[in-house]
C-alpha atoms as a PDB file:
ATOM      1  CA  MET A   1      47.816 -73.403-154.484  1.00  0.00           C
ATOM      2  CA  LYS A   2      46.774 -74.618-151.013  1.00  0.00           C
ATOM      3  CA  LYS A   3      48.081 -78.150-151.685  1.00  0.00           C
ATOM      4  CA  ILE A   4      51.357 -76.826-153.133  1.00  0.00           C
ATOM      5  CA  LEU A   5      51.806 -74.638-150.075  1.00  0.00           C
ATOM      6  CA  ALA A   6      51.054 -77.539-147.733  1.00  0.00           C
ATOM      7  CA  LEU A   7      53.577 -79.846-149.427  1.00  0.00           C
ATOM      8  CA  THR A   8      56.237 -77.132-149.326  1.00  0.00           C
ATOM      9  CA  LEU A   9      55.606 -76.565-145.638  1.00  0.00           C
ATOM     10  CA  ALA A  10      55.888 -80.296-145.006  1.00  0.00           C
ATOM     11  CA  ALA A  11      59.275 -80.366-146.746  1.00  0.00           C
ATOM     12  CA  LEU A  12      60.318 -77.269-144.811  1.00  0.00           C
ATOM     13  CA  LEU A  13      59.354 -78.897-141.512  1.00  0.00           C
ATOM     14  CA  THR A  14      61.262 -82.077-142.334  1.00  0.00           C
ATOM     15  CA  LEU A  15      64.487 -80.301-143.318  1.00  0.00           C
ATOM     16  CA  ALA A  16      64.262 -77.921-140.413  1.00  0.00           C
ATOM     17  CA  LEU A  17      63.460 -80.591-137.838  1.00  0.00           C
ATOM     18  CA  PHE A  18      66.388 -82.711-139.020  1.00  0.00           C
ATOM     19  CA  ALA A  19      68.642 -79.660-138.740  1.00  0.00           C
ATOM     20  CA  SER A  20      67.200 -78.929-135.325  1.00  0.00           C
ATOM     21  CA  CYS A  21      67.756 -82.524-134.173  1.00  0.00           C
ATOM     22  CA  GLY A  22      71.370 -82.396-135.308  1.00  0.00           C
ATOM     23  CA  LYS A  23      72.081 -79.233-133.401  1.00  0.00           C
ATOM     24  CA  GLU A  24      70.279 -80.525-130.316  1.00  0.00           C
ATOM     25  CA  LYS A  25      72.524 -83.611-130.244  1.00  0.00           C
ATOM     26  CA  GLU A  26      75.654 -81.439-130.283  1.00  0.00           C
ATOM     27  CA  SER A  27      74.375 -79.577-127.238  1.00  0.00           C
ATOM     28  CA  THR A  28      75.444 -80.542-123.724  1.00  0.00           C
ATOM     29  CA  GLU A  29      71.903 -80.185-122.539  1.00  0.00           C
ATOM     30  CA  PRO A  30      69.693 -83.335-122.425  1.00  0.00           C
ATOM     31  CA  GLU A  31      67.130 -83.762-125.182  1.00  0.00           C
ATOM     32  CA  THR A  32      63.638 -82.992-123.980  1.00  0.00           C
ATOM     33  CA  GLU A  33      60.362 -82.394-125.669  1.00  0.00           C
ATOM     34  CA  THR A  34      59.744 -78.692-125.413  1.00  0.00           C
ATOM     35  CA  GLU A  35      56.431 -77.074-124.771  1.00  0.00           C
ATOM     36  CA  THR A  36      55.260 -74.845-127.584  1.00  0.00           C
ATOM     37  CA  THR A  37      56.202 -71.243-126.822  1.00  0.00           C
ATOM     38  CA  THR A  38      55.222 -69.182-129.760  1.00  0.00           C
ATOM     39  CA  GLU A  39      55.301 -65.425-129.915  1.00  0.00           C
ATOM     40  CA  GLU A  40      52.364 -63.342-131.000  1.00  0.00           C
ATOM     41  CA  ILE A  41      52.987 -62.715-134.660  1.00  0.00           C
ATOM     42  CA  PRO A  42      51.936 -59.511-136.400  1.00  0.00           C
ATOM     43  CA  VAL A  43      49.513 -60.250-139.208  1.00  0.00           C
ATOM     44  CA  VAL A  44      50.639 -59.793-142.796  1.00  0.00           C
ATOM     45  CA  LEU A  45      48.649 -57.139-144.604  1.00  0.00           C
ATOM     46  CA  PRO A  46      49.033 -56.131-148.262  1.00  0.00           C
ATOM     47  CA  LYS A  47      50.513 -52.723-149.003  1.00  0.00           C
ATOM     48  CA  THR A  48      47.404 -51.742-150.912  1.00  0.00           C
ATOM     49  CA  MET A  49      45.001 -52.679-148.167  1.00  0.00           C
ATOM     50  CA  ASP A  50      43.132 -49.959-146.278  1.00  0.00           C
ATOM     51  CA  THR A  51      43.824 -50.899-142.666  1.00  0.00           C
ATOM     52  CA  GLU A  52      41.138 -48.675-141.144  1.00  0.00           C
ATOM     53  CA  ASP A  53      38.912 -50.978-139.129  1.00  0.00           C
ATOM     54  CA  GLU A  54      36.087 -48.535-138.604  1.00  0.00           C
ATOM     55  CA  GLU A  55      34.317 -47.185-141.649  1.00  0.00           C
ATOM     56  CA  THR A  56      31.247 -45.018-141.231  1.00  0.00           C
ATOM     57  CA  THR A  57      28.764 -44.552-143.997  1.00  0.00           C
ATOM     58  CA  ALA A  58      26.656 -41.631-145.050  1.00  0.00           C
ATOM     59  CA  ALA A  59      23.412 -43.576-144.632  1.00  0.00           C
ATOM     60  CA  GLU A  60      24.128 -44.226-140.953  1.00  0.00           C
ATOM     61  CA  THR A  61      24.384 -40.481-140.196  1.00  0.00           C
ATOM     62  CA  THR A  62      21.720 -38.939-142.417  1.00  0.00           C
ATOM     63  CA  THR A  63      18.107 -38.410-141.451  1.00  0.00           C
ATOM     64  CA  GLU A  64      15.066 -39.321-143.513  1.00  0.00           C
ATOM     65  CA  ALA A  65      14.682 -35.691-144.519  1.00  0.00           C
ATOM     66  CA  GLU A  66      18.220 -35.634-145.941  1.00  0.00           C
ATOM     67  CA  THR A  67      17.798 -38.838-147.947  1.00  0.00           C
ATOM     68  CA  THR A  68      17.898 -38.216-151.695  1.00  0.00           C
ATOM     69  CA  THR A  69      17.022 -40.356-154.672  1.00  0.00           C
ATOM     70  CA  GLU A  70      20.724 -40.794-155.473  1.00  0.00           C
ATOM     71  CA  ALA A  71      21.554 -41.936-151.925  1.00  0.00           C
ATOM     72  CA  ALA A  72      18.675 -44.408-151.967  1.00  0.00           C
ATOM     73  CA  ALA A  73      19.968 -45.961-155.217  1.00  0.00           C
ATOM     74  CA  LYS A  74      23.456 -46.388-153.838  1.00  0.00           C
ATOM     75  CA  PRO A  75      23.956 -49.011-151.076  1.00  0.00           C
ATOM     76  CA  SER A  76      25.321 -47.146-148.078  1.00  0.00           C
ATOM     77  CA  SER A  77      24.622 -48.820-144.740  1.00  0.00           C
ATOM     78  CA  LYS A  78      26.218 -52.138-143.830  1.00  0.00           C
ATOM     79  CA  ALA A  79      22.892 -53.936-144.265  1.00  0.00           C
ATOM     80  CA  GLU A  80      22.297 -52.358-147.690  1.00  0.00           C
ATOM     81  CA  ILE A  81      25.789 -53.216-148.920  1.00  0.00           C
ATOM     82  CA  ILE A  82      25.513 -56.837-147.761  1.00  0.00           C
ATOM     83  CA  ALA A  83      22.129 -57.213-149.459  1.00  0.00           C
ATOM     84  CA  TYR A  84      23.461 -55.592-152.654  1.00  0.00           C
ATOM     85  CA  VAL A  85      26.513 -57.885-152.763  1.00  0.00           C
ATOM     86  CA  ASN A  86      24.399 -60.982-152.056  1.00  0.00           C
ATOM     87  CA  GLU A  87      22.034 -60.114-154.905  1.00  0.00           C
ATOM     88  CA  ALA A  88      24.927 -59.498-157.309  1.00  0.00           C
ATOM     89  CA  MET A  89      26.548 -62.815-156.337  1.00  0.00           C
ATOM     90  CA  GLN A  90      23.250 -64.671-156.765  1.00  0.00           C
ATOM     91  CA  ASN A  91      23.307 -63.523-160.400  1.00  0.00           C
ATOM     92  CA  VAL A  92      26.916 -64.725-160.771  1.00  0.00           C
ATOM     93  CA  ARG A  93      25.994 -68.185-159.484  1.00  0.00           C
ATOM     94  CA  LYS A  94      22.878 -68.277-161.689  1.00  0.00           C
ATOM     95  CA  ASP A  95      24.389 -66.887-164.932  1.00  0.00           C
ATOM     96  CA  LYS A  96      27.891 -68.407-164.458  1.00  0.00           C
ATOM     97  CA  PRO A  97      29.753 -65.862-166.604  1.00  0.00           C
ATOM     98  CA  GLY A  98      33.272 -66.684-167.753  1.00  0.00           C
ATOM     99  CA  TYR A  99      36.119 -65.351-165.627  1.00  0.00           C
ATOM    100  CA  THR A 100      39.898 -65.266-165.261  1.00  0.00           C
ATOM    101  CA  PHE A 101      41.501 -66.265-161.954  1.00  0.00           C
ATOM    102  CA  ARG A 102      44.890 -65.474-160.414  1.00  0.00           C
ATOM    103  CA  GLU A 103      46.266 -66.115-156.917  1.00  0.00           C
ATOM    104  CA  ARG A 104      49.321 -65.356-154.823  1.00  0.00           C
ATOM    105  CA  THR A 105      50.423 -66.271-151.312  1.00  0.00           C
ATOM    106  CA  ASN A 106      52.779 -64.396-149.030  1.00  0.00           C
ATOM    107  CA  ILE A 107      54.651 -66.059-146.158  1.00  0.00           C
ATOM    108  CA  ASP A 108      56.752 -63.550-144.254  1.00  0.00           C
ATOM    109  CA  ASP A 109      59.672 -65.689-143.064  1.00  0.00           C
ATOM    110  CA  SER A 110      60.964 -62.788-140.949  1.00  0.00           C
ATOM    111  CA  LYS A 111      57.839 -63.165-138.815  1.00  0.00           C
ATOM    112  CA  MET A 112      57.765 -66.971-138.815  1.00  0.00           C
ATOM    113  CA  LYS A 113      58.829 -68.097-135.341  1.00  0.00           C
ATOM    114  CA  THR A 114      59.240 -71.449-133.628  1.00  0.00           C
ATOM    115  CA  SER A 115      60.044 -72.766-130.160  1.00  0.00           C
ATOM    116  CA  SER A 116      63.455 -74.015-131.381  1.00  0.00           C
ATOM    117  CA  ASN A 117      66.432 -71.660-131.832  1.00  0.00           C
ATOM    118  CA  ALA A 118      68.063 -74.179-134.171  1.00  0.00           C
ATOM    119  CA  LEU A 119      64.943 -74.248-136.318  1.00  0.00           C
ATOM    120  CA  ASN A 120      64.704 -70.454-136.381  1.00  0.00           C
ATOM    121  CA  ALA A 121      68.269 -70.295-137.695  1.00  0.00           C
ATOM    122  CA  VAL A 122      67.552 -72.386-140.809  1.00  0.00           C
ATOM    123  CA  ILE A 123      64.097 -71.038-141.730  1.00  0.00           C
ATOM    124  CA  PRO A 124      65.193 -67.885-143.654  1.00  0.00           C
ATOM    125  CA  GLY A 125      67.530 -69.802-145.968  1.00  0.00           C
ATOM    126  CA  ILE A 126      64.956 -72.503-146.717  1.00  0.00           C
ATOM    127  CA  MET A 127      62.176 -69.997-147.310  1.00  0.00           C
ATOM    128  CA  ARG A 128      64.310 -68.033-149.789  1.00  0.00           C
ATOM    129  CA  THR A 129      64.574 -71.134-151.963  1.00  0.00           C
ATOM    130  CA  VAL A 130      60.809 -71.671-152.188  1.00  0.00           C
ATOM    131  CA  LYS A 131      59.417 -68.116-152.205  1.00  0.00           C
ATOM    132  CA  GLY A 132      58.897 -68.090-155.968  1.00  0.00           C
ATOM    133  CA  THR A 133      56.340 -70.873-155.531  1.00  0.00           C
ATOM    134  CA  TYR A 134      53.891 -68.401-154.018  1.00  0.00           C
ATOM    135  CA  ASP A 135      54.077 -65.557-156.560  1.00  0.00           C
ATOM    136  CA  TRP A 136      51.128 -64.736-158.822  1.00  0.00           C
ATOM    137  CA  THR A 137      49.898 -67.820-160.620  1.00  0.00           C
ATOM    138  CA  ASP A 138      49.394 -67.741-164.377  1.00  0.00           C
ATOM    139  CA  PRO A 139      45.873 -66.601-165.341  1.00  0.00           C
ATOM    140  CA  LYS A 140      43.398 -69.459-165.430  1.00  0.00           C
ATOM    141  CA  THR A 141      40.228 -69.056-167.500  1.00  0.00           C
ATOM    142  CA  THR A 142      36.890 -70.602-166.561  1.00  0.00           C
ATOM    143  CA  THR A 143      34.343 -70.615-169.376  1.00  0.00           C
ATOM    144  CA  LYS A 144      30.756 -69.416-169.132  1.00  0.00           C
ATOM    145  CA  GLY A 145      28.488 -72.074-167.674  1.00  0.00           C
ATOM    146  CA  ALA A 146      31.299 -74.045-166.017  1.00  0.00           C
ATOM    147  CA  ASP A 147      31.611 -74.738-162.280  1.00  0.00           C
ATOM    148  CA  HIS A 148      31.672 -71.431-160.360  1.00  0.00           C
ATOM    149  CA  SER A 149      31.781 -72.876-156.833  1.00  0.00           C
ATOM    150  CA  ASP A 150      35.263 -71.433-156.177  1.00  0.00           C
ATOM    151  CA  VAL A 151      34.168 -67.842-156.815  1.00  0.00           C
ATOM    152  CA  MET A 152      34.164 -65.824-153.581  1.00  0.00           C
ATOM    153  CA  PRO A 153      32.166 -65.154-151.542  1.00  0.00           C
ATOM    154  CA  LYS A 154      31.054 -68.773-151.834  1.00  0.00           C
ATOM    155  CA  VAL A 155      27.859 -68.311-149.813  1.00  0.00           C
ATOM    156  CA  GLU A 156      25.505 -65.467-148.946  1.00  0.00           C
ATOM    157  CA  LEU A 157      27.021 -63.054-146.449  1.00  0.00           C
ATOM    158  CA  GLN A 158      25.583 -62.748-142.955  1.00  0.00           C
ATOM    159  CA  SER A 159      25.633 -59.450-141.080  1.00  0.00           C
ATOM    160  CA  SER A 160      27.287 -61.082-138.042  1.00  0.00           C
ATOM    161  CA  TRP A 161      30.299 -62.021-140.207  1.00  0.00           C
ATOM    162  CA  VAL A 162      30.947 -58.473-141.392  1.00  0.00           C
ATOM    163  CA  LYS A 163      33.000 -56.048-139.314  1.00  0.00           C
ATOM    164  CA  SER A 164      32.401 -53.085-141.622  1.00  0.00           C
ATOM    165  CA  ALA A 165      31.378 -52.337-145.192  1.00  0.00           C
ATOM    166  CA  SER A 166      31.798 -49.401-147.566  1.00  0.00           C
ATOM    167  CA  CYS A 167      30.715 -48.369-151.057  1.00  0.00           C
ATOM    168  CA  THR A 168      32.209 -45.640-153.242  1.00  0.00           C
ATOM    169  CA  GLU A 169      31.450 -44.574-156.800  1.00  0.00           C
ATOM    170  CA  SER A 170      34.040 -44.690-159.576  1.00  0.00           C
ATOM    171  CA  GLY A 171      32.707 -43.756-163.000  1.00  0.00           C
ATOM    172  CA  ASP A 172      29.983 -46.239-163.907  1.00  0.00           C
ATOM    173  CA  THR A 173      30.881 -48.691-161.139  1.00  0.00           C
ATOM    174  CA  TYR A 174      30.561 -49.128-157.399  1.00  0.00           C
ATOM    175  CA  GLN A 175      33.685 -50.108-155.481  1.00  0.00           C
ATOM    176  CA  LEU A 176      32.648 -52.132-152.448  1.00  0.00           C
ATOM    177  CA  ARG A 177      34.671 -53.481-149.556  1.00  0.00           C
ATOM    178  CA  ILE A 178      33.538 -56.086-147.037  1.00  0.00           C
ATOM    179  CA  ASN A 179      35.808 -56.300-143.969  1.00  0.00           C
ATOM    180  CA  PHE A 180      35.307 -59.529-142.034  1.00  0.00           C
ATOM    181  CA  ILE A 181      35.352 -60.095-138.296  1.00  0.00           C
ATOM    182  CA  ASP A 182      38.395 -61.593-136.593  1.00  0.00           C
ATOM    183  CA  GLU A 183      38.095 -65.329-135.982  1.00  0.00           C
ATOM    184  CA  HIS A 184      39.966 -68.077-134.131  1.00  0.00           C
ATOM    185  CA  ALA A 185      39.655 -71.851-134.516  1.00  0.00           C
ATOM    186  CA  GLU A 186      41.246 -74.553-132.336  1.00  0.00           C
ATOM    187  CA  ASN A 187      42.491 -77.705-134.115  1.00  0.00           C
ATOM    188  CA  LEU A 188      40.892 -76.682-137.385  1.00  0.00           C
ATOM    189  CA  VAL A 189      39.983 -79.817-139.346  1.00  0.00           C
ATOM    190  CA  ASN A 190      36.851 -78.740-141.228  1.00  0.00           C
ATOM    191  CA  GLU A 191      37.068 -75.665-143.449  1.00  0.00           C
ATOM    192  CA  LYS A 192      33.334 -75.005-143.244  1.00  0.00           C
ATOM    193  CA  SER A 193      33.343 -74.944-139.446  1.00  0.00           C
ATOM    194  CA  THR A 194      34.636 -71.358-139.689  1.00  0.00           C
ATOM    195  CA  MET A 195      33.120 -68.272-141.265  1.00  0.00           C
ATOM    196  CA  HIS A 196      36.299 -67.751-143.308  1.00  0.00           C
ATOM    197  CA  GLY A 197      36.085 -71.298-144.642  1.00  0.00           C
ATOM    198  CA  LYS A 198      32.446 -70.893-145.636  1.00  0.00           C
ATOM    199  CA  VAL A 199      32.867 -67.517-147.327  1.00  0.00           C
ATOM    200  CA  MET A 200      36.378 -67.827-148.753  1.00  0.00           C
ATOM    201  CA  SER A 201      38.847 -70.598-147.996  1.00  0.00           C
ATOM    202  CA  ALA A 202      40.944 -71.837-145.096  1.00  0.00           C
ATOM    203  CA  MET A 203      43.979 -74.048-144.710  1.00  0.00           C
ATOM    204  CA  VAL A 204      43.103 -76.895-142.340  1.00  0.00           C
ATOM    205  CA  LYS A 205      45.094 -79.489-140.430  1.00  0.00           C
ATOM    206  CA  SER A 206      44.774 -82.183-143.111  1.00  0.00           C
ATOM    207  CA  ASP A 207      46.266 -79.878-145.776  1.00  0.00           C
ATOM    208  CA  ILE A 208      49.639 -79.995-144.025  1.00  0.00           C
ATOM    209  CA  GLU A 209      49.118 -83.389-142.419  1.00  0.00           C
ATOM    210  CA  ASP A 210      48.825 -85.230-145.753  1.00  0.00           C
ATOM    211  CA  GLY A 211      52.196 -84.022-146.973  1.00  0.00           C
ATOM    212  CA  ALA A 212      53.873 -84.087-143.574  1.00  0.00           C
ATOM    213  CA  GLY A 213      52.864 -87.713-142.957  1.00  0.00           C
ATOM    214  CA  LYS A 214      54.637 -88.820-146.129  1.00  0.00           C
ATOM    215  CA  VAL A 215      57.946 -87.511-144.786  1.00  0.00           C
ATOM    216  CA  GLY A 216      57.498 -88.698-141.202  1.00  0.00           C
ATOM    217  CA  VAL A 217      56.350 -85.438-139.611  1.00  0.00           C
ATOM    218  CA  LYS A 218      53.278 -85.610-137.365  1.00  0.00           C
ATOM    219  CA  ILE A 219      51.088 -82.537-136.888  1.00  0.00           C
ATOM    220  CA  ILE A 220      49.729 -82.718-133.348  1.00  0.00           C
ATOM    221  CA  LYS A 221      48.149 -79.256-133.089  1.00  0.00           C
ATOM    222  CA  PHE A 222      46.755 -76.889-135.710  1.00  0.00           C
ATOM    223  CA  ASN A 223      45.115 -73.619-134.621  1.00  0.00           C
ATOM    224  CA  SER A 224      44.194 -70.728-136.907  1.00  0.00           C
ATOM    225  CA  SER A 225      43.508 -67.049-136.325  1.00  0.00           C
ATOM    226  CA  TYR A 226      42.190 -64.615-138.933  1.00  0.00           C
ATOM    227  CA  THR A 227      42.611 -60.844-138.817  1.00  0.00           C
ATOM    228  CA  GLY A 228      42.186 -58.289-141.585  1.00  0.00           C
ATOM    229  CA  SER A 229      40.504 -60.503-144.196  1.00  0.00           C
ATOM    230  CA  TYR A 230      38.313 -58.741-146.742  1.00  0.00           C
ATOM    231  CA  ILE A 231      36.618 -58.935-150.136  1.00  0.00           C
ATOM    232  CA  ASP A 232      36.628 -56.089-152.673  1.00  0.00           C
ATOM    233  CA  LEU A 233      34.067 -56.027-155.479  1.00  0.00           C
ATOM    234  CA  THR A 234      33.682 -53.874-158.587  1.00  0.00           C
ATOM    235  CA  ILE A 235      30.035 -53.832-159.730  1.00  0.00           C
ATOM    236  CA  GLU A 236      28.416 -51.914-162.592  1.00  0.00           C
ATOM    237  CA  LYS A 237      25.941 -49.360-161.234  1.00  0.00           C
ATOM    238  CA  ASN A 238      23.349 -49.651-163.990  1.00  0.00           C
ATOM    239  CA  THR A 239      23.252 -53.430-164.369  1.00  0.00           C
ATOM    240  CA  GLY A 240      24.478 -54.805-161.028  1.00  0.00           C
ATOM    241  CA  THR A 241      26.988 -56.938-162.955  1.00  0.00           C
ATOM    242  CA  VAL A 242      30.076 -58.057-161.046  1.00  0.00           C
ATOM    243  CA  LYS A 243      33.244 -57.114-162.949  1.00  0.00           C
ATOM    244  CA  LYS A 244      36.003 -58.001-160.459  1.00  0.00           C
ATOM    245  CA  ILE A 245      36.409 -59.658-157.061  1.00  0.00           C
ATOM    246  CA  THR A 246      39.510 -59.610-154.866  1.00  0.00           C
ATOM    247  CA  ALA A 247      39.443 -61.915-151.828  1.00  0.00           C
ATOM    248  CA  TYR A 248      42.193 -61.407-149.246  1.00  0.00           C
ATOM    249  CA  ILE A 249      42.537 -64.039-146.510  1.00  0.00           C
ATOM    250  CA  ASN A 250      44.932 -63.331-143.643  1.00  0.00           C
ATOM    251  CA  GLN A 251      45.557 -66.482-141.596  1.00  0.00           C
ATOM    252  CA  LEU A 252      47.992 -67.034-138.731  1.00  0.00           C
ATOM    253  CA  VAL A 253      48.637 -70.755-138.318  1.00  0.00           C
ATOM    254  CA  ASP A 254      49.884 -71.927-134.920  1.00  0.00           C
ATOM    255  CA  PHE A 255      50.877 -75.594-134.985  1.00  0.00           C
ATOM    256  CA  ASP A 256      53.034 -78.277-133.337  1.00  0.00           C
ATOM    257  CA  ALA A 257      55.045 -80.671-135.501  1.00  0.00           C
ATOM    258  CA  LYS A 258      56.755 -83.817-134.224  1.00  0.00           C
ATOM    259  CA  LEU A 259      59.703 -85.746-135.664  1.00  0.00           C
ATOM    260  CA  GLY A 260      61.421 -87.260-132.650  1.00  0.00           C
ATOM    261  CA  LEU A 261      61.161 -83.954-130.797  1.00  0.00           C
ATOM    262  CA  THR A 262      58.199 -81.578-130.817  1.00  0.00           C
ATOM    263  CA  VAL A 263      58.493 -78.071-132.194  1.00  0.00           C
ATOM    264  CA  GLY A 264      55.842 -75.368-132.129  1.00  0.00           C
ATOM    265  CA  ALA A 265      55.613 -72.791-134.908  1.00  0.00           C
ATOM    266  CA  SER A 266      53.628 -69.705-135.841  1.00  0.00           C
ATOM    267  CA  LEU A 267      53.255 -69.061-139.553  1.00  0.00           C
ATOM    268  CA  PRO A 268      51.579 -65.941-141.011  1.00  0.00           C
ATOM    269  CA  ILE A 269      49.999 -66.707-144.399  1.00  0.00           C
ATOM    270  CA  ALA A 270      48.325 -64.046-146.555  1.00  0.00           C
ATOM    271  CA  ASP A 271      46.489 -65.341-149.614  1.00  0.00           C
ATOM    272  CA  GLU A 272      45.060 -63.089-152.333  1.00  0.00           C
ATOM    273  CA  LYS A 273      42.655 -64.347-155.014  1.00  0.00           C
ATOM    274  CA  VAL A 274      41.459 -62.240-157.963  1.00  0.00           C
ATOM    275  CA  PHE A 275      38.467 -63.053-160.198  1.00  0.00           C
ATOM    276  CA  THR A 276      38.020 -60.879-163.301  1.00  0.00           C
ATOM    277  CA  PHE A 277      34.753 -61.247-165.261  1.00  0.00           C
END
């Protein structure tokens, strides 16, 4: 999905930059390379996402005297939840159970802004023609024992990466949410140089650069900001078996593209991955 998105963006940049160049030539003003002036773009959050940043847990407010056997069995504090999730994911990586995977990406063209008025005018029409590319992918099945390196979280979680964590009971399962800290990366070229890239996934400069280079567009800046990313897990209470994982990555890409003239753009990308075991 990431490569498909990158190639589509490269095509979008090429068409839009050509359109922008054409309109610039019709103008009476001299052609100049413009400095990137991007607006702060609101992040794209899914309708189903709980946007409360601060979640308090029962374990953080109870005293030792109030602690019961049931509360001790259920992970409650941030540290307990992280440890519980890490242990459950260790079993996934060790046992490699079969799973089904689906993914979708949302680019809100109404919030995509650039430093060129001509470019802004053509973006909505172009984006309407490619939006179907980012809808839910067909289910893809990975068999038991096969490579599970794409399952998220990819590595053990660290407390410093987690903004907040919660655990609720639903029948015979725990429903857990891990909300990640906000993060910013300048000229992101290595996915694993960020927490988001280590734990989940991140679009990097080369993802767009590879496709853009083929059509003559040069990416000269690629910054990323992450806000509101999270992972939801459904885990059986009695066995600790992971039944479902939803990883939501909210990335705001701020980049400069050059094809004759230089245009800066801000692109909000929300990517949702679902693993069902």
